[in-house]
Amino acid sequence: MDYSIKQVSEKTNLKTHVLRYYEKEGLLPFVSRSKSGIRRYSEGDLEWIGLICCLKNTGMSIKQIKDFVELSIKGNETLKKRCDMLIAHKKSVETQIEEMQDHLRKVAHKIEYFTGQYEKYTLDHPDHTEVI
């Protein structure tokens, strides 16, 4: 089944100009066109878009994604390089998650601390009414 750019935009929640940009940057090299030049996206293209979004949303640069796509075009002889790229990216994402978990723990600690301070304050100042 083929999809128009509008249908792909609706399915992926990506603006049509983003899809055109991805194609222009070489991230979607397999998108075909009708005789009149209209883009026709396949199920395979949708899978690529899903991978591109995943990689981009986890911090991979457009250039790195392009490098990955170019390796993919070269075929099975690049499988090891692609795996190595994804392994390195996975490690980077895991590091980011660990850092965010540390930040989240600090925020939770501050919430606990300030909540305790506020409760103590309201006990010491029973006439205090907070204006919201």
N, C-alpha and C. Protein backbone atom coordinates (compact mmCIF):
# COMPACT_ATOMS: atom_id res chain seq x y z
N MET A 1 0.84 -1.18 0.00
CA MET A 1 0.00 0.00 0.00
C MET A 1 0.89 1.24 0.00
N ASP A 2 0.54 2.22 -0.78
CA ASP A 2 1.27 3.48 -0.84
C ASP A 2 0.48 4.56 -0.11
N TYR A 3 1.22 5.53 0.44
CA TYR A 3 0.63 6.63 1.18
C TYR A 3 1.09 7.96 0.60
N SER A 4 0.22 8.95 0.66
CA SER A 4 0.60 10.30 0.25
C SER A 4 1.37 10.94 1.39
N ILE A 5 2.02 12.07 1.11
CA ILE A 5 2.76 12.77 2.15
C ILE A 5 1.80 13.23 3.26
N LYS A 6 0.58 13.60 2.88
CA LYS A 6 -0.41 14.03 3.87
C LYS A 6 -0.79 12.88 4.79
N GLN A 7 -0.99 11.69 4.22
CA GLN A 7 -1.33 10.52 5.02
C GLN A 7 -0.18 10.15 5.97
N VAL A 8 1.04 10.23 5.46
CA VAL A 8 2.21 9.91 6.29
C VAL A 8 2.33 10.95 7.40
N SER A 9 2.09 12.19 7.08
CA SER A 9 2.13 13.26 8.08
C SER A 9 1.12 12.97 9.20
N GLU A 10 -0.08 12.56 8.83
CA GLU A 10 -1.11 12.25 9.81
C GLU A 10 -0.74 11.01 10.64
N LYS A 11 -0.18 9.99 9.98
CA LYS A 11 0.19 8.75 10.68
C LYS A 11 1.35 8.94 11.65
N THR A 12 2.29 9.83 11.28
CA THR A 12 3.53 9.97 12.06
C THR A 12 3.55 11.21 12.95
N ASN A 13 2.56 12.08 12.79
CA ASN A 13 2.53 13.37 13.49
C ASN A 13 3.74 14.24 13.15
N LEU A 14 4.27 14.06 11.95
CA LEU A 14 5.34 14.92 11.46
C LEU A 14 4.74 15.85 10.42
N LYS A 15 5.16 17.09 10.44
CA LYS A 15 4.70 18.05 9.43
C LYS A 15 5.25 17.63 8.06
N THR A 16 4.53 17.99 7.01
CA THR A 16 4.97 17.62 5.67
C THR A 16 6.32 18.24 5.33
N HIS A 17 6.58 19.45 5.84
CA HIS A 17 7.89 20.06 5.54
C HIS A 17 9.03 19.30 6.21
N VAL A 18 8.75 18.65 7.35
CA VAL A 18 9.77 17.82 8.01
C VAL A 18 10.05 16.58 7.16
N LEU A 19 9.02 15.97 6.63
CA LEU A 19 9.20 14.80 5.76
C LEU A 19 10.00 15.18 4.51
N ARG A 20 9.68 16.33 3.94
CA ARG A 20 10.44 16.79 2.77
C ARG A 20 11.90 17.07 3.14
N TYR A 21 12.11 17.66 4.32
CA TYR A 21 13.48 17.93 4.80
C TYR A 21 14.25 16.62 4.96
N TYR A 22 13.62 15.63 5.58
CA TYR A 22 14.29 14.33 5.77
C TYR A 22 14.68 13.73 4.43
N GLU A 23 13.79 13.85 3.47
CA GLU A 23 14.09 13.32 2.14
C GLU A 23 15.26 14.09 1.51
N LYS A 24 15.21 15.41 1.60
CA LYS A 24 16.26 16.27 1.04
C LYS A 24 17.62 15.96 1.67
N GLU A 25 17.62 15.64 2.98
CA GLU A 25 18.86 15.35 3.70
C GLU A 25 19.37 13.93 3.45
N GLY A 26 18.62 13.15 2.69
CA GLY A 26 19.05 11.79 2.37
C GLY A 26 18.64 10.75 3.39
N LEU A 27 17.72 11.10 4.29
CA LEU A 27 17.28 10.15 5.31
C LEU A 27 16.19 9.21 4.79
N LEU A 28 15.56 9.59 3.71
CA LEU A 28 14.50 8.77 3.11
C LEU A 28 14.79 8.57 1.61
N PRO A 29 15.84 7.83 1.32
CA PRO A 29 16.27 7.72 -0.08
C PRO A 29 15.38 6.83 -0.94
N PHE A 30 14.49 6.09 -0.34
CA PHE A 30 13.72 5.11 -1.11
C PHE A 30 12.31 5.57 -1.46
N VAL A 31 11.95 6.78 -1.05
CA VAL A 31 10.59 7.27 -1.35
C VAL A 31 10.44 7.38 -2.86
N SER A 32 9.41 6.73 -3.37
CA SER A 32 9.19 6.76 -4.82
C SER A 32 8.26 7.91 -5.17
N ARG A 33 8.13 8.13 -6.45
CA ARG A 33 7.25 9.19 -6.93
C ARG A 33 6.38 8.65 -8.06
N SER A 34 5.21 9.20 -8.16
CA SER A 34 4.32 8.83 -9.26
C SER A 34 4.85 9.46 -10.54
N LYS A 35 4.23 9.14 -11.66
CA LYS A 35 4.65 9.71 -12.94
C LYS A 35 4.57 11.23 -12.94
N SER A 36 3.65 11.75 -12.15
CA SER A 36 3.49 13.21 -12.08
C SER A 36 4.36 13.84 -10.99
N GLY A 37 5.21 13.02 -10.33
CA GLY A 37 6.16 13.55 -9.35
C GLY A 37 5.67 13.60 -7.92
N ILE A 38 4.51 13.02 -7.66
CA ILE A 38 3.96 13.04 -6.30
C ILE A 38 4.61 11.92 -5.48
N ARG A 39 5.05 12.27 -4.28
CA ARG A 39 5.69 11.28 -3.39
C ARG A 39 4.70 10.19 -3.03
N ARG A 40 5.19 8.94 -3.04
CA ARG A 40 4.40 7.79 -2.64
C ARG A 40 5.22 7.01 -1.62
N TYR A 41 4.75 6.97 -0.39
CA TYR A 41 5.46 6.31 0.70
C TYR A 41 4.96 4.88 0.86
N SER A 42 5.90 3.97 1.06
CA SER A 42 5.57 2.56 1.25
C SER A 42 5.58 2.23 2.75
N GLU A 43 5.18 1.02 3.07
CA GLU A 43 5.26 0.55 4.47
C GLU A 43 6.72 0.59 4.95
N GLY A 44 7.63 0.24 4.05
CA GLY A 44 9.06 0.29 4.39
C GLY A 44 9.51 1.71 4.72
N ASP A 45 9.01 2.67 3.97
CA ASP A 45 9.32 4.08 4.25
C ASP A 45 8.80 4.48 5.63
N LEU A 46 7.61 4.00 5.98
CA LEU A 46 7.04 4.29 7.30
C LEU A 46 7.92 3.70 8.41
N GLU A 47 8.47 2.50 8.16
CA GLU A 47 9.38 1.90 9.14
C GLU A 47 10.64 2.75 9.29
N TRP A 48 11.18 3.23 8.17
CA TRP A 48 12.36 4.11 8.21
C TRP A 48 12.05 5.37 9.00
N ILE A 49 10.89 5.96 8.74
CA ILE A 49 10.49 7.18 9.44
C ILE A 49 10.41 6.91 10.94
N GLY A 50 9.86 5.75 11.30
CA GLY A 50 9.78 5.38 12.72
C GLY A 50 11.17 5.28 13.34
N LEU A 51 12.11 4.67 12.62
CA LEU A 51 13.48 4.55 13.13
C LEU A 51 14.14 5.93 13.22
N ILE A 52 13.96 6.75 12.19
CA ILE A 52 14.54 8.10 12.20
C ILE A 52 14.03 8.88 13.41
N CYS A 53 12.73 8.82 13.66
CA CYS A 53 12.14 9.53 14.80
C CYS A 53 12.69 9.00 16.12
N CYS A 54 12.82 7.70 16.23
CA CYS A 54 13.36 7.09 17.43
C CYS A 54 14.79 7.57 17.68
N LEU A 55 15.61 7.49 16.65
CA LEU A 55 17.01 7.91 16.80
C LEU A 55 17.11 9.40 17.11
N LYS A 56 16.33 10.20 16.40
CA LYS A 56 16.36 11.65 16.62
C LYS A 56 15.87 11.99 18.03
N ASN A 57 14.78 11.37 18.45
CA ASN A 57 14.21 11.65 19.77
C ASN A 57 15.10 11.16 20.92
N THR A 58 16.04 10.30 20.61
CA THR A 58 16.98 9.84 21.64
C THR A 58 18.33 10.53 21.49
N GLY A 59 18.37 11.60 20.71
CA GLY A 59 19.55 12.44 20.68
C GLY A 59 20.54 12.23 19.55
N MET A 60 20.24 11.35 18.61
CA MET A 60 21.17 11.16 17.49
C MET A 60 21.01 12.32 16.53
N SER A 61 22.12 12.84 16.04
CA SER A 61 22.09 13.97 15.12
C SER A 61 21.60 13.53 13.73
N ILE A 62 21.13 14.51 12.98
CA ILE A 62 20.70 14.25 11.60
C ILE A 62 21.88 13.68 10.80
N LYS A 63 23.08 14.23 11.01
CA LYS A 63 24.26 13.73 10.30
C LYS A 63 24.53 12.26 10.62
N GLN A 64 24.44 11.90 11.89
CA GLN A 64 24.65 10.50 12.27
C GLN A 64 23.58 9.60 11.67
N ILE A 65 22.34 10.07 11.67
CA ILE A 65 21.25 9.28 11.07
C ILE A 65 21.52 9.11 9.58
N LYS A 66 21.96 10.17 8.93
CA LYS A 66 22.29 10.11 7.51
C LYS A 66 23.39 9.09 7.27
N ASP A 67 24.42 9.10 8.11
CA ASP A 67 25.51 8.12 8.00
C ASP A 67 24.96 6.70 8.12
N PHE A 68 24.03 6.51 9.05
CA PHE A 68 23.42 5.20 9.25
C PHE A 68 22.65 4.78 8.01
N VAL A 69 21.87 5.70 7.44
CA VAL A 69 21.10 5.41 6.23
C VAL A 69 22.04 5.05 5.08
N GLU A 70 23.12 5.83 4.93
CA GLU A 70 24.08 5.56 3.85
C GLU A 70 24.73 4.19 4.01
N LEU A 71 25.02 3.81 5.25
CA LEU A 71 25.55 2.46 5.48
C LEU A 71 24.52 1.40 5.09
N SER A 72 23.27 1.66 5.44
CA SER A 72 22.20 0.71 5.13
C SER A 72 22.06 0.50 3.63
N ILE A 73 22.21 1.58 2.87
CA ILE A 73 22.10 1.50 1.41
C ILE A 73 23.18 0.59 0.85
N LYS A 74 24.34 0.58 1.48
CA LYS A 74 25.47 -0.23 1.00
C LYS A 74 25.26 -1.72 1.21
N GLY A 75 24.29 -2.09 2.04
CA GLY A 75 23.96 -3.50 2.17
C GLY A 75 24.58 -4.21 3.36
N ASN A 76 24.55 -5.54 3.26
CA ASN A 76 24.93 -6.38 4.39
C ASN A 76 26.38 -6.25 4.84
N GLU A 77 27.26 -5.79 3.95
CA GLU A 77 28.65 -5.66 4.36
C GLU A 77 28.85 -4.56 5.41
N THR A 78 27.80 -3.75 5.64
CA THR A 78 27.89 -2.70 6.65
C THR A 78 27.13 -3.03 7.94
N LEU A 79 26.66 -4.26 8.05
CA LEU A 79 25.87 -4.64 9.22
C LEU A 79 26.64 -4.42 10.52
N LYS A 80 27.91 -4.79 10.56
CA LYS A 80 28.72 -4.62 11.78
C LYS A 80 28.85 -3.15 12.14
N LYS A 81 29.11 -2.30 11.16
CA LYS A 81 29.23 -0.86 11.42
C LYS A 81 27.92 -0.29 11.95
N ARG A 82 26.81 -0.74 11.37
CA ARG A 82 25.50 -0.26 11.83
C ARG A 82 25.22 -0.71 13.25
N CYS A 83 25.54 -1.96 13.54
CA CYS A 83 25.37 -2.46 14.92
C CYS A 83 26.23 -1.65 15.88
N ASP A 84 27.49 -1.41 15.50
CA ASP A 84 28.38 -0.63 16.36
C ASP A 84 27.83 0.77 16.61
N MET A 85 27.28 1.38 15.56
CA MET A 85 26.68 2.71 15.70
C MET A 85 25.53 2.69 16.70
N LEU A 86 24.67 1.69 16.56
CA LEU A 86 23.50 1.61 17.43
C LEU A 86 23.90 1.27 18.87
N ILE A 87 24.92 0.43 19.03
CA ILE A 87 25.40 0.09 20.37
C ILE A 87 25.95 1.35 21.05
N ALA A 88 26.74 2.14 20.32
CA ALA A 88 27.29 3.38 20.88
C ALA A 88 26.16 4.35 21.23
N HIS A 89 25.17 4.43 20.37
CA HIS A 89 24.03 5.32 20.63
C HIS A 89 23.26 4.85 21.86
N LYS A 90 23.06 3.55 21.97
CA LYS A 90 22.35 2.98 23.12
C LYS A 90 23.07 3.33 24.42
N LYS A 91 24.39 3.21 24.42
CA LYS A 91 25.18 3.55 25.61
C LYS A 91 25.01 5.02 25.96
N SER A 92 25.01 5.87 24.94
CA SER A 92 24.82 7.31 25.16
C SER A 92 23.45 7.59 25.78
N VAL A 93 22.42 6.93 25.27
CA VAL A 93 21.07 7.11 25.79
C VAL A 93 21.00 6.62 27.24
N GLU A 94 21.62 5.48 27.51
CA GLU A 94 21.62 4.95 28.88
C GLU A 94 22.31 5.92 29.85
N THR A 95 23.39 6.53 29.41
CA THR A 95 24.09 7.52 30.24
C THR A 95 23.17 8.72 30.50
N GLN A 96 22.48 9.18 29.45
CA GLN A 96 21.56 10.30 29.62
C GLN A 96 20.44 9.95 30.60
N ILE A 97 19.93 8.72 30.51
CA ILE A 97 18.86 8.28 31.41
C ILE A 97 19.38 8.26 32.85
N GLU A 98 20.58 7.76 33.07
CA GLU A 98 21.16 7.75 34.42
C GLU A 98 21.31 9.16 34.97
N GLU A 99 21.78 10.08 34.12
CA GLU A 99 21.91 11.48 34.55
C GLU A 99 20.56 12.08 34.89
N MET A 100 19.57 11.80 34.08
CA MET A 100 18.22 12.32 34.35
C MET A 100 17.65 11.72 35.63
N GLN A 101 17.93 10.43 35.88
CA GLN A 101 17.48 9.81 37.14
C GLN A 101 18.11 10.50 38.34
N ASP A 102 19.39 10.86 38.23
CA ASP A 102 20.05 11.60 39.31
C ASP A 102 19.37 12.95 39.53
N HIS A 103 19.09 13.65 38.43
CA HIS A 103 18.41 14.95 38.54
C HIS A 103 17.03 14.79 39.16
N LEU A 104 16.33 13.75 38.75
CA LEU A 104 14.99 13.49 39.27
C LEU A 104 15.03 13.22 40.77
N ARG A 105 16.04 12.45 41.22
CA ARG A 105 16.18 12.18 42.66
C ARG A 105 16.43 13.48 43.43
N LYS A 106 17.24 14.38 42.87
CA LYS A 106 17.50 15.66 43.54
C LYS A 106 16.23 16.50 43.63
N VAL A 107 15.47 16.53 42.55
CA VAL A 107 14.21 17.28 42.56
C VAL A 107 13.26 16.69 43.59
N ALA A 108 13.14 15.37 43.63
CA ALA A 108 12.25 14.71 44.60
C ALA A 108 12.70 15.03 46.03
N HIS A 109 14.01 15.03 46.25
CA HIS A 109 14.54 15.35 47.58
C HIS A 109 14.17 16.78 47.97
N LYS A 110 14.30 17.71 47.03
CA LYS A 110 13.95 19.11 47.32
C LYS A 110 12.46 19.26 47.58
N ILE A 111 11.64 18.54 46.86
CA ILE A 111 10.19 18.58 47.10
C ILE A 111 9.90 18.12 48.52
N GLU A 112 10.51 17.02 48.91
CA GLU A 112 10.33 16.48 50.26
C GLU A 112 10.80 17.50 51.30
N TYR A 113 11.96 18.10 51.07
CA TYR A 113 12.52 19.07 52.00
C TYR A 113 11.61 20.30 52.14
N PHE A 114 11.22 20.88 51.01
CA PHE A 114 10.39 22.09 51.06
C PHE A 114 8.99 21.81 51.58
N THR A 115 8.46 20.63 51.31
CA THR A 115 7.16 20.25 51.86
C THR A 115 7.24 20.21 53.38
N GLY A 116 8.30 19.59 53.90
CA GLY A 116 8.51 19.55 55.36
C GLY A 116 8.66 20.95 55.94
N GLN A 117 9.41 21.81 55.25
CA GLN A 117 9.59 23.19 55.72
C GLN A 117 8.26 23.93 55.73
N TYR A 118 7.47 23.73 54.70
CA TYR A 118 6.17 24.39 54.61
C TYR A 118 5.24 23.90 55.71
N GLU A 119 5.21 22.58 55.95
CA GLU A 119 4.36 22.03 57.01
C GLU A 119 4.77 22.59 58.37
N LYS A 120 6.05 22.68 58.63
CA LYS A 120 6.56 23.25 59.88
C LYS A 120 6.15 24.71 59.99
N TYR A 121 6.29 25.44 58.90
CA TYR A 121 5.93 26.86 58.89
C TYR A 121 4.45 27.05 59.20
N THR A 122 3.58 26.24 58.59
CA THR A 122 2.14 26.40 58.83
C THR A 122 1.77 26.02 60.26
N LEU A 123 2.52 25.10 60.88
CA LEU A 123 2.27 24.77 62.29
C LEU A 123 2.68 25.92 63.19
N ASP A 124 3.80 26.56 62.85
CA ASP A 124 4.31 27.69 63.64
C ASP A 124 3.51 28.97 63.42
N HIS A 125 2.81 29.06 62.32
CA HIS A 125 2.03 30.25 61.96
C HIS A 125 0.61 29.83 61.59
N PRO A 126 -0.20 29.45 62.59
CA PRO A 126 -1.54 28.94 62.28
C PRO A 126 -2.46 29.96 61.60
N ASP A 127 -2.18 31.22 61.75
CA ASP A 127 -3.03 32.24 61.13
C ASP A 127 -2.69 32.48 59.67
N HIS A 128 -1.60 31.86 59.23
CA HIS A 128 -1.13 32.07 57.85
C HIS A 128 -2.09 31.39 56.87
N THR A 129 -2.55 32.15 55.91
CA THR A 129 -3.35 31.57 54.83
C THR A 129 -2.66 31.89 53.53
N GLU A 130 -2.46 30.91 52.76
CA GLU A 130 -1.76 31.09 51.49
C GLU A 130 -2.73 31.58 50.42
N VAL A 131 -2.32 32.59 49.69
CA VAL A 131 -3.12 33.10 48.60
C VAL A 131 -2.65 32.44 47.33
N ILE A 132 -3.57 31.87 46.62
CA ILE A 132 -3.20 31.18 45.37
C ILE A 132 -3.72 31.97 44.21
